[in-house]
Amino acid sequence: MTPERPLRGEAIELDDAGWSLVTVHPRWLVSAEIQTFLQLWQDCDGPAEGAGRLPFAGGAAEQPVLAMEAFAVLAGQLARVRSAERKAAEAEAKAARGRS
């Protein structure tokens, strides 16, 4: 798999970004630095409900401000993705009930 030759089925719609169809895996759209930060967030239980572990010693007041702000942005985006997934699942369930 490369950006020029994505695997079959990797096309996604990004209407919120103004792109109706993207045929490149999203991972190729993210820089190595951002991927590293995403890994840090995941290692700190970012996707988990609640605060999770912090990357540096001390409490929240002793964390780098940019890191905490970035974690907040990532948590907000994850919430948007999960909300969209719930809405899609509800719409699919409603459509399935309508067909039966």
N, C-alpha and C. Protein backbone atom coordinates (compact mmCIF):
# COMPACT_ATOMS: atom_id res chain seq x y z
N MET A 1 0.84 -1.17 0.00
CA MET A 1 0.00 0.00 0.00
C MET A 1 0.89 1.25 0.00
N THR A 2 0.60 2.15 -0.87
CA THR A 2 1.29 3.45 -0.91
C THR A 2 0.24 4.53 -1.11
N PRO A 3 0.60 5.81 -0.93
CA PRO A 3 -0.39 6.86 -1.17
C PRO A 3 -0.94 6.83 -2.59
N GLU A 4 -0.09 6.46 -3.54
CA GLU A 4 -0.53 6.42 -4.93
C GLU A 4 -1.36 5.18 -5.25
N ARG A 5 -1.17 4.11 -4.49
CA ARG A 5 -1.88 2.85 -4.74
C ARG A 5 -2.50 2.34 -3.44
N PRO A 6 -3.59 2.97 -2.99
CA PRO A 6 -4.21 2.52 -1.74
C PRO A 6 -4.86 1.15 -1.92
N LEU A 7 -5.06 0.47 -0.81
CA LEU A 7 -5.73 -0.81 -0.86
C LEU A 7 -7.19 -0.62 -1.27
N ARG A 8 -7.75 -1.61 -1.88
CA ARG A 8 -9.16 -1.57 -2.28
C ARG A 8 -10.02 -1.34 -1.02
N GLY A 9 -11.02 -0.51 -1.14
CA GLY A 9 -11.91 -0.25 -0.01
C GLY A 9 -11.44 0.85 0.92
N GLU A 10 -10.35 1.53 0.59
CA GLU A 10 -9.87 2.59 1.46
C GLU A 10 -10.44 3.95 1.13
N ALA A 11 -11.29 4.05 0.14
CA ALA A 11 -11.90 5.33 -0.19
C ALA A 11 -12.82 5.74 0.95
N ILE A 12 -12.71 6.98 1.36
CA ILE A 12 -13.55 7.51 2.43
C ILE A 12 -14.13 8.84 2.01
N GLU A 13 -15.23 9.21 2.64
CA GLU A 13 -15.82 10.51 2.38
C GLU A 13 -15.46 11.45 3.52
N LEU A 14 -15.04 12.66 3.19
CA LEU A 14 -14.69 13.67 4.18
C LEU A 14 -15.47 14.94 3.87
N ASP A 15 -16.80 14.83 3.91
CA ASP A 15 -17.64 15.98 3.57
C ASP A 15 -17.36 17.17 4.48
N ASP A 16 -17.07 16.93 5.77
CA ASP A 16 -16.79 18.04 6.68
C ASP A 16 -15.58 18.84 6.24
N ALA A 17 -14.64 18.18 5.56
CA ALA A 17 -13.43 18.86 5.09
C ALA A 17 -13.60 19.44 3.69
N GLY A 18 -14.77 19.21 3.10
CA GLY A 18 -15.00 19.72 1.76
C GLY A 18 -14.56 18.78 0.66
N TRP A 19 -14.21 17.54 1.02
CA TRP A 19 -13.79 16.55 0.04
C TRP A 19 -14.87 15.47 -0.02
N SER A 20 -15.47 15.28 -1.18
CA SER A 20 -16.53 14.28 -1.26
C SER A 20 -15.98 12.85 -1.23
N LEU A 21 -14.79 12.66 -1.76
CA LEU A 21 -14.22 11.31 -1.79
C LEU A 21 -12.70 11.39 -1.76
N VAL A 22 -12.09 10.64 -0.86
CA VAL A 22 -10.63 10.58 -0.75
C VAL A 22 -10.24 9.12 -0.92
N THR A 23 -9.33 8.85 -1.85
CA THR A 23 -8.92 7.45 -2.08
C THR A 23 -7.53 7.16 -1.54
N VAL A 24 -7.05 7.99 -0.67
CA VAL A 24 -5.76 7.78 -0.02
C VAL A 24 -6.04 7.50 1.45
N HIS A 25 -5.39 6.51 2.00
CA HIS A 25 -5.58 6.20 3.42
C HIS A 25 -5.22 7.43 4.24
N PRO A 26 -6.06 7.80 5.22
CA PRO A 26 -5.81 9.02 6.01
C PRO A 26 -4.44 9.06 6.68
N ARG A 27 -3.87 7.91 6.94
CA ARG A 27 -2.56 7.92 7.62
C ARG A 27 -1.49 8.60 6.76
N TRP A 28 -1.66 8.60 5.43
CA TRP A 28 -0.70 9.26 4.56
C TRP A 28 -0.88 10.78 4.56
N LEU A 29 -1.97 11.26 5.13
CA LEU A 29 -2.23 12.70 5.20
C LEU A 29 -1.72 13.33 6.48
N VAL A 30 -1.15 12.51 7.37
CA VAL A 30 -0.70 12.97 8.68
C VAL A 30 0.82 12.88 8.75
N SER A 31 1.45 13.96 9.20
CA SER A 31 2.92 13.98 9.28
C SER A 31 3.43 13.03 10.35
N ALA A 32 4.71 12.70 10.28
CA ALA A 32 5.33 11.81 11.26
C ALA A 32 5.26 12.41 12.66
N GLU A 33 5.41 13.74 12.77
CA GLU A 33 5.34 14.41 14.08
C GLU A 33 3.96 14.24 14.70
N ILE A 34 2.93 14.40 13.90
CA ILE A 34 1.57 14.25 14.42
C ILE A 34 1.30 12.79 14.77
N GLN A 35 1.80 11.87 13.96
CA GLN A 35 1.64 10.45 14.28
C GLN A 35 2.30 10.12 15.61
N THR A 36 3.46 10.70 15.87
CA THR A 36 4.16 10.48 17.13
C THR A 36 3.33 11.03 18.29
N PHE A 37 2.74 12.21 18.10
CA PHE A 37 1.92 12.79 19.16
C PHE A 37 0.65 11.96 19.39
N LEU A 38 0.06 11.46 18.30
CA LEU A 38 -1.11 10.59 18.44
C LEU A 38 -0.75 9.34 19.23
N GLN A 39 0.44 8.81 18.99
CA GLN A 39 0.88 7.63 19.74
C GLN A 39 1.05 7.98 21.22
N LEU A 40 1.60 9.16 21.53
CA LEU A 40 1.74 9.61 22.92
C LEU A 40 0.36 9.70 23.57
N TRP A 41 -0.60 10.28 22.85
CA TRP A 41 -1.96 10.41 23.37
C TRP A 41 -2.56 9.04 23.66
N GLN A 42 -2.36 8.11 22.71
CA GLN A 42 -2.89 6.76 22.91
C GLN A 42 -2.20 6.08 24.09
N ASP A 43 -0.89 6.26 24.22
CA ASP A 43 -0.15 5.66 25.33
C ASP A 43 -0.60 6.21 26.68
N CYS A 44 -1.15 7.42 26.68
CA CYS A 44 -1.63 8.05 27.91
C CYS A 44 -3.11 7.79 28.12
N ASP A 45 -3.65 6.79 27.45
CA ASP A 45 -5.07 6.43 27.55
C ASP A 45 -5.98 7.55 27.08
N GLY A 46 -5.54 8.32 26.09
CA GLY A 46 -6.35 9.41 25.57
C GLY A 46 -7.73 8.98 25.11
N PRO A 47 -7.85 7.89 24.37
CA PRO A 47 -9.18 7.49 23.90
C PRO A 47 -10.09 7.00 25.01
N ALA A 48 -9.54 6.66 26.18
CA ALA A 48 -10.36 6.14 27.27
C ALA A 48 -11.24 7.25 27.84
N GLU A 49 -12.36 6.86 28.40
CA GLU A 49 -13.22 7.84 29.07
C GLU A 49 -12.48 8.35 30.31
N GLY A 50 -12.56 9.63 30.57
CA GLY A 50 -11.89 10.20 31.72
C GLY A 50 -10.55 10.78 31.34
N ALA A 51 -9.78 11.15 32.34
CA ALA A 51 -8.53 11.88 32.12
C ALA A 51 -7.42 10.99 31.58
N GLY A 52 -7.33 9.76 32.04
CA GLY A 52 -6.22 8.91 31.62
C GLY A 52 -4.93 9.31 32.31
N ARG A 53 -3.84 8.67 31.93
CA ARG A 53 -2.53 9.01 32.51
C ARG A 53 -1.98 10.24 31.79
N LEU A 54 -1.13 10.97 32.47
CA LEU A 54 -0.50 12.14 31.86
C LEU A 54 0.92 11.78 31.43
N PRO A 55 1.42 12.43 30.37
CA PRO A 55 2.72 12.02 29.82
C PRO A 55 3.92 12.41 30.68
N PHE A 56 3.79 13.43 31.52
CA PHE A 56 4.92 13.89 32.32
C PHE A 56 4.59 13.79 33.81
N ALA A 57 5.63 13.76 34.65
CA ALA A 57 5.43 13.66 36.09
C ALA A 57 4.64 14.85 36.60
N GLY A 58 3.93 14.65 37.69
CA GLY A 58 3.15 15.73 38.29
C GLY A 58 1.73 15.72 37.78
N GLY A 59 0.95 16.64 38.29
CA GLY A 59 -0.45 16.73 37.91
C GLY A 59 -0.64 17.49 36.62
N ALA A 60 -1.90 17.81 36.34
CA ALA A 60 -2.25 18.50 35.10
C ALA A 60 -1.58 19.87 35.00
N ALA A 61 -1.37 20.51 36.13
CA ALA A 61 -0.76 21.84 36.12
C ALA A 61 0.72 21.80 35.73
N GLU A 62 1.33 20.63 35.80
CA GLU A 62 2.75 20.52 35.48
C GLU A 62 3.00 19.95 34.08
N GLN A 63 1.96 19.76 33.30
CA GLN A 63 2.10 19.26 31.94
C GLN A 63 2.35 20.45 31.01
N PRO A 64 3.04 20.23 29.89
CA PRO A 64 3.21 21.31 28.91
C PRO A 64 1.83 21.74 28.40
N VAL A 65 1.61 23.04 28.36
CA VAL A 65 0.31 23.59 27.95
C VAL A 65 -0.05 23.12 26.54
N LEU A 66 0.90 23.16 25.62
CA LEU A 66 0.59 22.74 24.25
C LEU A 66 0.17 21.28 24.18
N ALA A 67 0.81 20.44 25.00
CA ALA A 67 0.43 19.03 25.00
C ALA A 67 -0.99 18.86 25.51
N MET A 68 -1.34 19.55 26.58
CA MET A 68 -2.69 19.44 27.13
C MET A 68 -3.73 20.00 26.16
N GLU A 69 -3.40 21.10 25.49
CA GLU A 69 -4.33 21.65 24.50
C GLU A 69 -4.50 20.70 23.32
N ALA A 70 -3.40 20.08 22.89
CA ALA A 70 -3.48 19.12 21.79
C ALA A 70 -4.30 17.90 22.20
N PHE A 71 -4.12 17.43 23.43
CA PHE A 71 -4.92 16.31 23.92
C PHE A 71 -6.40 16.68 23.90
N ALA A 72 -6.74 17.91 24.28
CA ALA A 72 -8.13 18.36 24.29
C ALA A 72 -8.70 18.37 22.86
N VAL A 73 -7.89 18.81 21.90
CA VAL A 73 -8.33 18.81 20.50
C VAL A 73 -8.58 17.39 20.03
N LEU A 74 -7.65 16.49 20.34
CA LEU A 74 -7.81 15.09 19.93
C LEU A 74 -9.05 14.47 20.57
N ALA A 75 -9.28 14.76 21.85
CA ALA A 75 -10.47 14.22 22.52
C ALA A 75 -11.74 14.76 21.88
N GLY A 76 -11.73 16.02 21.51
CA GLY A 76 -12.89 16.61 20.85
C GLY A 76 -13.16 15.99 19.50
N GLN A 77 -12.11 15.75 18.73
CA GLN A 77 -12.27 15.13 17.42
C GLN A 77 -12.73 13.69 17.55
N LEU A 78 -12.21 12.98 18.54
CA LEU A 78 -12.65 11.60 18.76
C LEU A 78 -14.14 11.59 19.12
N ALA A 79 -14.57 12.55 19.91
CA ALA A 79 -15.99 12.63 20.26
C ALA A 79 -16.84 12.86 19.01
N ARG A 80 -16.37 13.70 18.08
CA ARG A 80 -17.09 13.94 16.83
C ARG A 80 -17.18 12.66 16.00
N VAL A 81 -16.08 11.92 15.92
CA VAL A 81 -16.07 10.67 15.16
C VAL A 81 -17.05 9.67 15.77
N ARG A 82 -17.00 9.53 17.10
CA ARG A 82 -17.90 8.57 17.76
C ARG A 82 -19.36 8.98 17.59
N SER A 83 -19.63 10.27 17.64
CA SER A 83 -20.99 10.76 17.44
C SER A 83 -21.48 10.44 16.02
N ALA A 84 -20.61 10.66 15.04
CA ALA A 84 -20.97 10.35 13.65
C ALA A 84 -21.20 8.85 13.47
N GLU A 85 -20.37 8.03 14.13
CA GLU A 85 -20.55 6.58 14.05
C GLU A 85 -21.89 6.16 14.66
N ARG A 86 -22.24 6.77 15.81
CA ARG A 86 -23.52 6.45 16.44
C ARG A 86 -24.69 6.83 15.54
N LYS A 87 -24.61 8.03 14.95
CA LYS A 87 -25.68 8.49 14.06
C LYS A 87 -25.81 7.56 12.85
N ALA A 88 -24.68 7.15 12.28
CA ALA A 88 -24.72 6.25 11.13
C ALA A 88 -25.32 4.90 11.52
N ALA A 89 -24.96 4.39 12.69
CA ALA A 89 -25.50 3.11 13.15
C ALA A 89 -27.00 3.23 13.39
N GLU A 90 -27.43 4.35 13.97
CA GLU A 90 -28.87 4.56 14.21
C GLU A 90 -29.62 4.65 12.89
N ALA A 91 -29.07 5.37 11.92
CA ALA A 91 -29.72 5.50 10.61
C ALA A 91 -29.80 4.15 9.92
N GLU A 92 -28.74 3.36 10.04
CA GLU A 92 -28.74 2.03 9.42
C GLU A 92 -29.77 1.12 10.08
N ALA A 93 -29.86 1.20 11.42
CA ALA A 93 -30.84 0.39 12.14
C ALA A 93 -32.26 0.81 11.76
N LYS A 94 -32.48 2.12 11.63
CA LYS A 94 -33.80 2.62 11.25
C LYS A 94 -34.15 2.15 9.83
N ALA A 95 -33.20 2.22 8.93
CA ALA A 95 -33.44 1.77 7.55
C ALA A 95 -33.73 0.27 7.52
N ALA A 96 -33.03 -0.50 8.34
CA ALA A 96 -33.24 -1.94 8.38
C ALA A 96 -34.63 -2.25 8.92
N ARG A 97 -35.09 -1.49 9.93
CA ARG A 97 -36.44 -1.70 10.45
C ARG A 97 -37.48 -1.36 9.39
N GLY A 98 -37.19 -0.34 8.58
CA GLY A 98 -38.12 0.07 7.52
C GLY A 98 -38.23 -0.96 6.41
N ARG A 99 -37.17 -1.72 6.20
CA ARG A 99 -37.18 -2.73 5.15
C ARG A 99 -37.90 -4.00 5.58
N SER A 100 -38.01 -4.19 6.90
CA SER A 100 -38.63 -5.45 7.36
C SER A 100 -40.11 -5.30 7.65
